[in-house]
Amino acid sequence: MTTSSNWEARIHVRRPTRSATDRLVAALAPEAAREVPRTRTELRRPAAQEVELRIDASDTSACRAALNTYLGWIGLVLSTERAVETSVTSPGPGETSPVPKRLS
């Protein structure tokens, strides 16, 4: 990535499975591809279960805003996965044992 930025931030995320990593990349890719004033973002996958997000910004405000935004989206993906995991493994109404299904 070629840019004349003064500020750079990197976010590295490791996921437990390749499919969990696929979901994270699918959620972040459209946003990383967007052009945002004073900020450039590159989304990479250095390994099967890793995601790297590189943010280059022209100033601290743009860098902070981009970091907050991407960390929020990552948090949303993780909390959504936890909610789904809980709902598919918790007993439903009238059930006494957990449903043996797991989000992979």
Foldseek 3Di string as FASTA:
>chain_A
DDDPFPDKDKDKDFDPALVLQVVLCVQCVVVQPDDDPQKHWDWDDPDSGMIMIMIGGRDDVVVVVVVVVSVVSVVVSVVVQVVVQCVQQDDDVPDDGGHPDGDD
